[in-house]
Amino acid sequence: MRPDAPTAAAPGAARRWLALAVLMLPVLLVSIDNTVLSFALPQISEALRPTGTQLLWIIDIYPLVLAGLLVPMGSFADRIGRRRLLLAGAVGFAAVSVVAAYAPSAEALVATRAGLGFFGAMLMPSTLSLLRNVFTDREERRLAIAIWAAGFAAGSALGPIVGGFLLEHFWWGSVFLLAVPVLVLLLVLAPLFVPESRDPAPGRVDVWSILLVMATMTPIVYGIKTLAKSGVSGLALASVAVGLTAGTLFVRRQLRRPDPMLDVRLFTRGAFSGAVLVNLLSVFSLVGFLFFVSQDVQLVLGLSPMQAGIALLPGLVLMVVAGLGVVKVVRRVRPARVVAVALLFSAAGYAIVAAGAGESTLALLVVAFVVLSFGVGAAETVSNDLIVSSVPAEKAGAASAISETAYEVGAVLGTAVLGSILTASYHANVVVPAGVPAADAAAAAETLGGATQVAGTLPAGQAQALLDSAHAAFGSGVGVTSLIGVVLMLVAAGVALVTLRDARA
């Protein structure tokens, strides 16, 4: 991405904060979309009866496409104007959201979610780079970035409540229609309060780099999914190898070009690369946790979607509070220590669930999510500020694209790794009672949602036996997944201490 260059004068103080409020709308939309979909999984499982792999792809395809296109779209925004691309993405995202709401099959829902990822990639690159253009004062920018990062948590908090209400009163597709009023508001307000900015001397569109980004992301995530579900295989290893090869070619191409689409030299800065990794792993921990807890509280503990959303609300609110509160803390305590402690909180959240040995109670899950959310909120704010501030001002646009890509890669891997492991563990341990029709038995063995739906069609004895086995298998998978989450967060804390040791707030 080319240097960040404004095409309009910096706005006054009041208009700066109004611009921030408008730019929060697409940020809120992305986080609402991810959280709402997690809570709609049981209804989607019952209505469309996807396989376990399809269920993961329904979640993963959106952030996968989004992550693969964020950097190319960011480069494109430099050419035509960041606000202009933001508005074009808003129109497309709203239209595809309506189509997704009425998807007739799992395959159709996967396809429409891919379309949402395409237009979502138009929405996201502009937000952080526009903030860098609007807020030139370091202290103001740090607070603005804290609010920007907290917006993801605020959207997560709003999603389950509003989505829970919709899921209790309407069909699952209604959750996609949430995007429409948000984007209509964006289309009205952005031209009024957000100044346009673009690169006055943009580089050429690099089609090969765009293709290499996609050829890197898709095979790696597919390979991880296959490894988690079926173990080591030639197909899984070949997929990862193809992705790594494409990634290597992408990096080499960027190093050779005089106007790279992505300035990979930024990763030679320890504070920058460490902050990007923290960013990715924080989102990884949040999305991975939400994947299983949303199903646990509804399908095992029996809460309604609205009740499930309210149960997780304390953690989501604390995430916002932690993100804003850490702004003052990081002025007095080194960022490396703040981030490491925050990641230890995330590890503790997973440890609480693992200690339950698959026998999760509502109180245990709520406490675990509160602890994890505190860590995610604090780590995200500090890492985002370091990403933007640890590079020269003329590199802020590239840094913004990398930061947002890290968000979406973390979301992909959260479900691809932890979700796939959980699904594989469930499939390996669930026992379907004898006498269940073959098609129903296959659906029950794929996902917990499938088992719940099938149980509703069986005699009482068979239904209870199936549910008991399904709940036990799911709980066992949650225990294994949580232990892996603990290890990953501990490793991330150690990485933060090493890579961010020279960073200053």
Protein backbone atom coordinates (compact mmCIF):
# COMPACT_ATOMS: atom_id res chain seq x y z
CA MET A 1 0.00 0.00 0.00
CA ARG A 2 1.25 3.44 -0.90
CA PRO A 3 1.94 6.31 1.54
CA ASP A 4 -1.07 7.78 3.28
CA ALA A 5 -1.81 11.18 1.78
CA PRO A 6 -4.85 13.31 2.56
CA THR A 7 -6.75 15.10 -0.14
CA ALA A 8 -8.63 17.37 2.24
CA ALA A 9 -7.62 19.54 5.16
CA ALA A 10 -7.65 17.86 8.57
CA PRO A 11 -11.07 18.40 10.16
CA GLY A 12 -11.69 20.40 13.32
CA ALA A 13 -11.94 18.76 16.74
CA ALA A 14 -15.70 18.20 16.69
CA ARG A 15 -15.68 16.86 13.15
CA ARG A 16 -12.77 14.54 13.95
CA TRP A 17 -14.79 12.75 16.61
CA LEU A 18 -17.88 12.74 14.42
CA ALA A 19 -15.77 11.14 11.69
CA LEU A 20 -14.65 8.50 14.20
CA ALA A 21 -18.27 7.78 15.11
CA VAL A 22 -19.15 7.28 11.44
CA LEU A 23 -16.11 5.06 10.82
CA MET A 24 -17.15 2.88 13.75
CA LEU A 25 -20.23 1.76 11.82
CA PRO A 26 -18.41 -0.70 9.49
CA VAL A 27 -16.26 -1.88 12.41
CA LEU A 28 -19.39 -2.60 14.45
CA LEU A 29 -20.93 -4.32 11.45
CA VAL A 30 -18.04 -6.76 11.01
CA SER A 31 -18.00 -7.77 14.68
CA ILE A 32 -21.80 -8.01 14.85
CA ASP A 33 -21.78 -10.28 11.81
CA ASN A 34 -19.25 -12.68 13.34
CA THR A 35 -20.96 -12.89 16.74
CA VAL A 36 -24.51 -13.11 15.46
CA LEU A 37 -23.60 -15.98 13.17
CA SER A 38 -22.07 -17.93 16.05
CA PHE A 39 -25.33 -17.68 17.96
CA ALA A 40 -27.35 -18.65 14.88
CA LEU A 41 -25.43 -21.90 14.35
CA PRO A 42 -27.98 -24.11 16.11
CA GLN A 43 -30.84 -22.73 13.99
CA ILE A 44 -28.77 -22.97 10.81
CA SER A 45 -27.89 -26.57 11.69
CA GLU A 46 -31.56 -27.44 12.10
CA ALA A 47 -32.79 -25.57 9.02
CA LEU A 48 -30.07 -26.38 6.45
CA ARG A 49 -28.58 -29.51 8.03
CA PRO A 50 -24.98 -28.76 6.99
CA THR A 51 -22.18 -31.25 7.55
CA GLY A 52 -19.57 -30.41 10.16
CA THR A 53 -17.22 -29.20 7.43
CA GLN A 54 -19.94 -27.08 5.83
CA LEU A 55 -20.75 -25.55 9.21
CA LEU A 56 -17.13 -24.49 9.63
CA TRP A 57 -17.01 -23.11 6.09
CA ILE A 58 -20.18 -21.08 6.69
CA ILE A 59 -18.24 -19.30 9.41
CA ASP A 60 -14.78 -19.34 7.84
CA ILE A 61 -15.44 -18.35 4.23
CA TYR A 62 -16.33 -14.76 5.17
CA PRO A 63 -13.17 -13.87 7.10
CA LEU A 64 -11.09 -15.99 4.69
CA VAL A 65 -12.15 -13.99 1.62
CA LEU A 66 -12.01 -10.80 3.65
CA ALA A 67 -8.46 -11.48 4.85
CA GLY A 68 -7.25 -12.40 1.37
CA LEU A 69 -8.61 -9.21 -0.19
CA LEU A 70 -7.94 -6.62 2.53
CA VAL A 71 -4.49 -5.68 1.26
CA PRO A 72 -5.49 -5.64 -2.45
CA MET A 73 -8.60 -3.58 -1.64
CA GLY A 74 -6.50 -1.26 0.49
CA SER A 75 -4.23 -0.68 -2.50
CA PHE A 76 -7.26 -0.12 -4.71
CA ALA A 77 -8.64 2.39 -2.16
CA ASP A 78 -5.40 4.36 -2.47
CA ARG A 79 -6.10 4.78 -6.17
CA ILE A 80 -9.79 5.70 -6.21
CA GLY A 81 -10.22 7.16 -2.71
CA ARG A 82 -10.72 5.40 0.61
CA ARG A 83 -14.10 6.92 1.35
CA ARG A 84 -15.33 6.14 -2.16
CA LEU A 85 -14.43 2.46 -1.80
CA LEU A 86 -16.00 2.43 1.66
CA LEU A 87 -19.32 3.59 0.22
CA ALA A 88 -19.16 1.15 -2.71
CA GLY A 89 -18.56 -1.70 -0.30
CA ALA A 90 -21.50 -0.59 1.82
CA VAL A 91 -23.90 -0.84 -1.11
CA GLY A 92 -22.65 -4.31 -2.10
CA PHE A 93 -22.57 -5.64 1.46
CA ALA A 94 -26.17 -4.55 2.09
CA ALA A 95 -27.40 -6.18 -1.11
CA VAL A 96 -25.65 -9.51 -0.49
CA SER A 97 -26.84 -9.51 3.14
CA VAL A 98 -30.42 -9.60 1.88
CA VAL A 99 -29.56 -12.53 -0.41
CA ALA A 100 -27.84 -14.40 2.45
CA ALA A 101 -30.91 -14.00 4.65
CA TYR A 102 -32.90 -16.16 2.22
CA ALA A 103 -30.22 -18.74 1.35
CA PRO A 104 -32.02 -22.06 0.63
CA SER A 105 -29.11 -24.42 1.37
CA ALA A 106 -25.80 -24.70 3.17
CA GLU A 107 -23.95 -24.39 -0.15
CA ALA A 108 -25.84 -21.21 -1.01
CA LEU A 109 -25.09 -19.74 2.41
CA VAL A 110 -21.37 -20.46 1.97
CA ALA A 111 -21.48 -18.70 -1.43
CA THR A 112 -23.25 -15.62 -0.10
CA ARG A 113 -20.91 -15.45 2.87
CA ALA A 114 -18.05 -15.36 0.35
CA GLY A 115 -19.78 -12.42 -1.34
CA LEU A 116 -20.04 -10.67 2.00
CA GLY A 117 -16.31 -11.19 2.46
CA PHE A 118 -15.63 -9.58 -0.92
CA PHE A 119 -17.59 -6.43 -0.12
CA GLY A 120 -16.43 -6.46 3.49
CA ALA A 121 -12.89 -6.14 2.17
CA MET A 122 -13.97 -2.84 0.62
CA LEU A 123 -15.29 -1.61 3.96
CA MET A 124 -12.43 -2.43 6.30
CA PRO A 125 -9.14 -1.09 4.84
CA SER A 126 -10.39 2.48 4.90
CA THR A 127 -11.26 2.74 8.58
CA LEU A 128 -7.88 2.66 10.32
CA SER A 129 -6.00 4.51 7.57
CA LEU A 130 -8.68 7.24 7.54
CA LEU A 131 -8.32 7.54 11.30
CA ARG A 132 -4.57 7.98 10.86
CA ASN A 133 -5.35 10.78 8.42
CA VAL A 134 -7.95 12.44 10.66
CA PHE A 135 -6.12 12.18 14.01
CA THR A 136 -2.60 13.56 13.62
CA ASP A 137 -2.00 14.11 17.37
CA ARG A 138 -0.49 11.00 19.03
CA GLU A 139 -2.57 11.20 22.21
CA GLU A 140 -5.80 11.78 20.32
CA ARG A 141 -4.95 8.98 17.92
CA ARG A 142 -4.23 6.52 20.75
CA LEU A 143 -7.67 7.21 22.24
CA ALA A 144 -9.31 7.01 18.81
CA ILE A 145 -7.62 3.64 18.15
CA ALA A 146 -8.73 2.42 21.60
CA ILE A 147 -12.31 3.31 20.68
CA TRP A 148 -11.83 1.69 17.26
CA ALA A 149 -10.58 -1.54 18.85
CA ALA A 150 -13.32 -1.43 21.47
CA GLY A 151 -15.81 -1.16 18.62
CA PHE A 152 -15.21 -4.80 17.78
CA ALA A 153 -16.13 -5.71 21.34
CA ALA A 154 -19.12 -3.35 21.34
CA GLY A 155 -20.38 -5.02 18.18
CA SER A 156 -19.89 -8.40 19.80
CA ALA A 157 -21.94 -7.19 22.76
CA LEU A 158 -24.70 -5.79 20.58
CA GLY A 159 -24.80 -8.80 18.26
CA PRO A 160 -25.95 -11.46 20.74
CA ILE A 161 -28.61 -9.20 22.29
CA VAL A 162 -30.18 -7.95 19.06
CA GLY A 163 -29.48 -11.22 17.30
CA GLY A 164 -30.93 -13.20 20.20
CA PHE A 165 -34.13 -11.17 19.99
CA LEU A 166 -34.36 -11.77 16.24
CA LEU A 167 -33.64 -15.50 16.57
CA GLU A 168 -36.40 -15.89 19.15
CA HIS A 169 -38.99 -14.09 17.03
CA PHE A 170 -37.90 -14.66 13.42
CA TRP A 171 -35.97 -17.14 11.28
CA TRP A 172 -32.18 -17.43 11.28
CA GLY A 173 -31.82 -15.35 8.12
CA SER A 174 -33.01 -12.25 9.95
CA VAL A 175 -29.57 -11.87 11.56
CA PHE A 176 -28.10 -10.95 8.18
CA LEU A 177 -30.61 -8.15 7.73
CA LEU A 178 -29.00 -6.32 10.68
CA ALA A 179 -26.41 -5.01 8.24
CA VAL A 180 -28.90 -3.07 6.14
CA PRO A 181 -29.87 -0.21 8.54
CA VAL A 182 -26.24 0.14 9.70
CA LEU A 183 -25.00 0.55 6.14
CA VAL A 184 -27.80 2.91 5.15
CA LEU A 185 -26.70 5.15 8.04
CA LEU A 186 -23.09 4.92 6.84
CA LEU A 187 -24.07 5.89 3.30
CA VAL A 188 -25.86 9.00 4.60
CA LEU A 189 -23.27 10.19 7.15
CA ALA A 190 -19.88 9.34 5.61
CA PRO A 191 -20.07 11.95 2.81
CA LEU A 192 -20.93 14.58 5.43
CA PHE A 193 -18.28 13.94 8.10
CA VAL A 194 -15.48 11.74 6.73
CA PRO A 195 -12.92 13.54 4.53
CA GLU A 196 -11.77 11.74 1.40
CA SER A 197 -8.13 10.69 1.14
CA ARG A 198 -6.10 8.90 -1.51
CA ASP A 199 -2.56 8.41 -2.71
CA PRO A 200 -1.74 11.24 -5.16
CA ALA A 201 0.73 8.95 -6.99
CA PRO A 202 -0.64 5.39 -6.70
CA GLY A 203 1.23 2.42 -8.04
CA ARG A 204 -0.04 0.11 -10.71
CA VAL A 205 -2.66 -2.54 -9.95
CA ASP A 206 -0.68 -5.75 -9.35
CA VAL A 207 -2.94 -8.61 -10.38
CA TRP A 208 -0.30 -11.27 -9.70
CA SER A 209 0.13 -10.09 -6.11
CA ILE A 210 -3.63 -10.23 -5.57
CA LEU A 211 -3.74 -13.82 -6.87
CA LEU A 212 -0.76 -14.81 -4.73
CA VAL A 213 -2.44 -13.46 -1.57
CA MET A 214 -5.50 -15.61 -2.22
CA ALA A 215 -3.31 -18.59 -3.18
CA THR A 216 -1.56 -18.23 0.16
CA MET A 217 -4.58 -17.92 2.43
CA THR A 218 -7.03 -20.47 1.01
CA PRO A 219 -4.81 -23.59 0.82
CA ILE A 220 -3.27 -23.00 4.26
CA VAL A 221 -6.65 -22.71 5.99
CA TYR A 222 -7.98 -25.70 4.04
CA GLY A 223 -4.94 -27.72 5.02
CA ILE A 224 -5.34 -26.80 8.70
CA LYS A 225 -9.00 -27.82 8.56
CA THR A 226 -8.12 -31.16 6.98
CA LEU A 227 -5.34 -31.86 9.47
CA ALA A 228 -7.62 -31.12 12.41
CA LYS A 229 -10.50 -33.19 11.06
CA SER A 230 -8.78 -36.20 9.47
CA GLY A 231 -5.22 -36.16 10.77
CA VAL A 232 -2.04 -36.04 8.72
CA SER A 233 -2.66 -36.78 5.06
CA GLY A 234 -1.05 -36.07 1.72
CA LEU A 235 -3.84 -33.68 0.76
CA ALA A 236 -3.53 -31.66 3.97
CA LEU A 237 0.25 -31.38 3.76
CA ALA A 238 0.12 -30.54 0.05
CA SER A 239 -2.42 -27.76 0.70
CA VAL A 240 -0.24 -26.18 3.36
CA ALA A 241 2.82 -26.52 1.12
CA VAL A 242 1.03 -24.79 -1.77
CA GLY A 243 -0.01 -21.93 0.50
CA LEU A 244 3.49 -21.48 1.92
CA THR A 245 4.99 -21.55 -1.56
CA ALA A 246 2.57 -18.90 -2.78
CA GLY A 247 3.32 -16.83 0.31
CA THR A 248 7.05 -17.03 -0.38
CA LEU A 249 6.51 -15.93 -3.98
CA PHE A 250 4.34 -13.05 -2.76
CA VAL A 251 7.04 -11.81 -0.38
CA ARG A 252 9.72 -12.03 -3.05
CA ARG A 253 7.55 -10.14 -5.50
CA GLN A 254 6.92 -7.36 -2.98
CA LEU A 255 10.64 -7.03 -2.27
CA ARG A 256 11.46 -6.68 -5.98
CA ARG A 257 8.78 -4.15 -6.90
CA PRO A 258 9.47 -0.41 -6.59
CA ASP A 259 5.83 0.13 -5.56
CA PRO A 260 4.85 -3.01 -3.59
CA MET A 261 1.22 -3.69 -2.83
CA LEU A 262 2.32 -4.57 0.71
CA ASP A 263 5.55 -3.29 2.21
CA VAL A 264 6.78 -6.51 3.83
CA ARG A 265 9.89 -4.71 5.08
CA LEU A 266 7.73 -3.38 7.90
CA PHE A 267 8.02 -6.82 9.50
CA THR A 268 11.72 -6.25 10.10
CA ARG A 269 10.64 -3.95 12.95
CA GLY A 270 10.36 -6.12 16.06
CA ALA A 271 7.65 -4.04 17.72
CA PHE A 272 5.57 -4.04 14.54
CA SER A 273 5.76 -7.77 13.83
CA GLY A 274 5.20 -8.62 17.52
CA ALA A 275 2.14 -6.36 17.70
CA VAL A 276 0.69 -7.93 14.54
CA LEU A 277 1.11 -11.41 16.06
CA VAL A 278 -0.54 -10.29 19.31
CA ASN A 279 -3.38 -8.82 17.28
CA LEU A 280 -3.90 -12.06 15.41
CA LEU A 281 -3.75 -14.32 18.47
CA SER A 282 -6.09 -12.13 20.52
CA VAL A 283 -8.80 -12.41 17.88
CA PHE A 284 -7.96 -16.11 17.50
CA SER A 285 -8.69 -16.67 21.19
CA LEU A 286 -11.93 -14.68 21.12
CA VAL A 287 -13.43 -16.25 17.99
CA GLY A 288 -12.34 -19.77 18.94
CA PHE A 289 -13.94 -19.39 22.36
CA LEU A 290 -17.18 -18.00 20.93
CA PHE A 291 -17.41 -20.91 18.46
CA PHE A 292 -17.88 -23.49 21.20
CA VAL A 293 -19.42 -21.41 24.00
CA SER A 294 -22.31 -20.23 21.81
CA GLN A 295 -23.23 -23.86 21.12
CA ASP A 296 -22.56 -24.99 24.70
CA VAL A 297 -24.90 -22.50 26.36
CA GLN A 298 -27.70 -23.12 23.87
CA LEU A 299 -27.53 -26.79 22.90
CA VAL A 300 -26.13 -28.27 26.13
CA LEU A 301 -27.34 -25.89 28.84
CA GLY A 302 -30.61 -25.14 27.06
CA LEU A 303 -30.55 -21.33 27.00
CA SER A 304 -32.46 -19.42 24.34
CA PRO A 305 -30.43 -17.23 21.94
CA MET A 306 -31.48 -14.12 23.89
CA GLN A 307 -30.52 -15.67 27.23
CA ALA A 308 -27.21 -16.82 25.78
CA GLY A 309 -26.41 -13.32 24.58
CA ILE A 310 -27.25 -11.79 27.95
CA ALA A 311 -25.12 -14.42 29.74
CA LEU A 312 -22.05 -13.37 27.74
CA LEU A 313 -22.78 -9.65 27.94
CA PRO A 314 -20.65 -9.01 31.09
CA GLY A 315 -17.54 -10.30 29.35
CA LEU A 316 -18.21 -8.32 26.19
CA VAL A 317 -18.80 -5.11 28.16
CA LEU A 318 -15.61 -5.69 30.14
CA MET A 319 -13.75 -6.08 26.86
CA VAL A 320 -14.75 -2.53 25.93
CA VAL A 321 -13.87 -1.19 29.38
CA ALA A 322 -10.47 -2.89 29.35
CA GLY A 323 -9.70 -1.54 25.90
CA LEU A 324 -10.38 2.02 26.98
CA GLY A 325 -8.85 1.73 30.45
CA VAL A 326 -5.53 0.37 29.21
CA VAL A 327 -4.84 3.70 27.44
CA LYS A 328 -3.81 5.27 30.77
CA VAL A 329 -2.04 2.18 32.06
CA VAL A 330 0.26 1.89 29.04
CA ARG A 331 1.56 5.43 29.63
CA ARG A 332 3.18 4.23 32.88
CA VAL A 333 3.86 0.54 32.21
CA ARG A 334 5.84 -0.80 29.27
CA PRO A 335 3.62 -2.14 26.47
CA ALA A 336 5.40 -5.52 26.51
CA ARG A 337 4.39 -6.13 30.12
CA VAL A 338 0.83 -4.87 29.60
CA VAL A 339 0.29 -7.11 26.58
CA ALA A 340 1.89 -10.16 28.22
CA VAL A 341 -0.33 -9.83 31.29
CA ALA A 342 -3.39 -9.35 29.07
CA LEU A 343 -2.58 -12.56 27.18
CA LEU A 344 -2.15 -14.40 30.49
CA PHE A 345 -5.73 -13.38 31.31
CA SER A 346 -6.84 -14.89 27.99
CA ALA A 347 -4.95 -18.09 28.88
CA ALA A 348 -6.66 -18.13 32.28
CA GLY A 349 -10.06 -17.91 30.60
CA TYR A 350 -9.36 -21.07 28.63
CA ALA A 351 -7.85 -22.74 31.72
CA ILE A 352 -11.08 -22.20 33.67
CA VAL A 353 -13.03 -24.09 31.00
CA ALA A 354 -10.40 -26.82 30.78
CA ALA A 355 -10.55 -27.27 34.57
CA GLY A 356 -14.24 -28.09 34.23
CA ALA A 357 -13.21 -31.24 32.30
CA GLY A 358 -16.06 -30.86 29.84
CA GLU A 359 -18.70 -30.44 32.57
CA SER A 360 -19.31 -26.75 31.89
CA THR A 361 -21.86 -24.87 33.97
CA LEU A 362 -23.28 -21.50 33.03
CA ALA A 363 -21.43 -19.79 35.88
CA LEU A 364 -18.12 -21.35 34.82
CA LEU A 365 -18.54 -20.28 31.19
CA VAL A 366 -19.55 -16.74 32.16
CA VAL A 367 -16.55 -16.33 34.49
CA ALA A 368 -14.20 -17.80 31.89
CA PHE A 369 -15.46 -15.44 29.23
CA VAL A 370 -15.16 -12.42 31.54
CA VAL A 371 -11.51 -13.26 32.24
CA LEU A 372 -10.70 -13.95 28.59
CA SER A 373 -12.49 -10.78 27.41
CA PHE A 374 -10.52 -8.59 29.79
CA GLY A 375 -7.29 -9.86 28.27
CA VAL A 376 -8.49 -9.52 24.66
CA GLY A 377 -9.71 -5.95 25.18
CA ALA A 378 -6.43 -4.75 26.70
CA ALA A 379 -4.15 -6.59 24.26
CA GLU A 380 -6.04 -5.41 21.17
CA THR A 381 -5.87 -1.72 22.04
CA VAL A 382 -2.14 -1.74 22.76
CA SER A 383 -1.25 -3.87 19.74
CA ASN A 384 -3.25 -1.72 17.32
CA ASP A 385 -1.63 1.47 18.62
CA LEU A 386 1.83 -0.09 18.29
CA ILE A 387 1.13 -1.28 14.74
CA VAL A 388 0.20 2.20 13.54
CA SER A 389 2.69 4.15 15.67
CA SER A 390 5.80 1.98 15.28
CA VAL A 391 6.15 2.84 11.58
CA PRO A 392 6.75 6.19 9.86
CA ALA A 393 3.68 8.28 9.08
CA GLU A 394 4.05 7.62 5.35
CA LYS A 395 3.73 3.87 6.05
CA ALA A 396 0.54 4.18 8.13
CA GLY A 397 -1.66 3.04 5.25
CA ALA A 398 0.27 -0.20 4.84
CA ALA A 399 0.31 -0.73 8.60
CA SER A 400 -3.47 -0.27 8.72
CA ALA A 401 -4.05 -2.94 6.08
CA ILE A 402 -1.77 -5.38 7.90
CA SER A 403 -3.53 -4.73 11.22
CA GLU A 404 -6.94 -5.43 9.75
CA THR A 405 -5.63 -8.49 7.91
CA ALA A 406 -4.33 -9.82 11.23
CA TYR A 407 -7.84 -9.42 12.67
CA GLU A 408 -9.37 -11.52 9.94
CA VAL A 409 -6.62 -14.14 9.81
CA GLY A 410 -7.10 -14.55 13.56
CA ALA A 411 -10.83 -15.02 13.00
CA VAL A 412 -10.17 -17.62 10.29
CA LEU A 413 -7.69 -19.58 12.36
CA GLY A 414 -9.85 -19.37 15.49
CA THR A 415 -12.51 -21.50 13.86
CA ALA A 416 -10.22 -23.36 11.45
CA VAL A 417 -7.95 -24.65 14.22
CA LEU A 418 -10.02 -24.77 17.40
CA GLY A 419 -13.32 -25.33 15.59
CA SER A 420 -11.91 -28.17 13.50
CA ILE A 421 -10.35 -29.86 16.53
CA LEU A 422 -13.62 -29.59 18.44
CA THR A 423 -15.60 -30.97 15.50
CA ALA A 424 -13.16 -33.86 15.01
CA SER A 425 -13.24 -34.72 18.72
CA TYR A 426 -17.03 -34.67 18.75
CA HIS A 427 -17.25 -36.87 15.66
CA ALA A 428 -14.79 -39.39 17.14
CA ASN A 429 -16.60 -39.72 20.48
CA VAL A 430 -20.32 -39.44 19.79
CA VAL A 431 -22.26 -42.72 19.76
CA VAL A 432 -25.51 -42.84 17.77
CA PRO A 433 -28.03 -45.36 19.18
CA ALA A 434 -28.87 -48.40 17.09
CA GLY A 435 -31.95 -48.14 14.93
CA VAL A 436 -31.49 -44.50 13.87
CA PRO A 437 -31.88 -44.10 10.08
CA ALA A 438 -28.57 -43.81 8.24
CA ALA A 439 -29.09 -40.22 7.04
CA ASP A 440 -30.08 -39.06 10.53
CA ALA A 441 -27.21 -40.97 12.11
CA ALA A 442 -24.74 -39.23 9.78
CA ALA A 443 -26.18 -35.80 10.63
CA ALA A 444 -26.07 -36.54 14.37
CA ALA A 445 -22.46 -37.66 14.15
CA GLU A 446 -21.36 -34.51 12.30
CA THR A 447 -22.39 -31.71 14.69
CA LEU A 448 -24.04 -31.13 18.05
CA GLY A 449 -26.73 -29.11 16.28
CA GLY A 450 -27.41 -32.06 13.99
CA ALA A 451 -27.71 -34.42 16.97
CA THR A 452 -30.14 -32.06 18.70
CA GLN A 453 -32.29 -31.82 15.58
CA VAL A 454 -32.30 -35.59 15.04
CA ALA A 455 -33.13 -36.24 18.71
CA GLY A 456 -36.35 -34.28 18.25
CA THR A 457 -37.56 -36.89 15.78
CA LEU A 458 -36.74 -40.00 17.88
CA PRO A 459 -38.63 -41.88 20.61
CA ALA A 460 -37.87 -40.64 24.13
CA GLY A 461 -35.39 -43.40 25.02
CA GLN A 462 -33.35 -43.12 21.85
CA ALA A 463 -33.47 -39.32 21.96
CA GLN A 464 -32.12 -39.17 25.51
CA ALA A 465 -29.35 -41.68 24.73
CA LEU A 466 -28.29 -39.66 21.69
CA LEU A 467 -28.33 -36.36 23.57
CA ASP A 468 -26.36 -37.77 26.50
CA SER A 469 -23.68 -39.10 24.14
CA ALA A 470 -23.61 -35.92 22.03
CA HIS A 471 -23.28 -33.66 25.08
CA ALA A 472 -20.50 -35.82 26.53
CA ALA A 473 -18.66 -35.89 23.20
CA PHE A 474 -18.99 -32.13 22.79
CA GLY A 475 -17.80 -31.54 26.36
CA SER A 476 -14.77 -33.72 25.78
CA GLY A 477 -13.94 -31.71 22.66
CA VAL A 478 -14.34 -28.44 24.56
CA GLY A 479 -11.86 -29.68 27.17
CA VAL A 480 -9.23 -30.57 24.56
CA THR A 481 -9.79 -27.33 22.66
CA SER A 482 -9.45 -25.25 25.84
CA LEU A 483 -6.12 -26.86 26.74
CA ILE A 484 -4.79 -25.97 23.30
CA GLY A 485 -6.06 -22.42 23.82
CA VAL A 486 -4.15 -22.20 27.10
CA VAL A 487 -0.88 -23.29 25.48
CA LEU A 488 -1.25 -20.89 22.54
CA MET A 489 -1.97 -17.90 24.80
CA LEU A 490 1.02 -18.70 27.04
CA VAL A 491 3.26 -18.87 23.98
CA ALA A 492 1.82 -15.56 22.76
CA ALA A 493 2.58 -13.91 26.11
CA GLY A 494 6.19 -15.04 25.85
CA VAL A 495 6.46 -13.75 22.29
CA ALA A 496 5.04 -10.38 23.38
CA LEU A 497 7.65 -10.01 26.13
CA VAL A 498 10.48 -10.64 23.64
CA THR A 499 9.29 -8.77 20.54
CA LEU A 500 7.79 -5.73 22.29
CA ARG A 501 10.53 -5.21 24.87
CA ASP A 502 11.83 -2.06 23.13
CA ALA A 503 8.41 -0.64 22.27
CA ARG A 504 7.32 2.61 23.87
CA ALA A 505 3.80 3.95 24.22
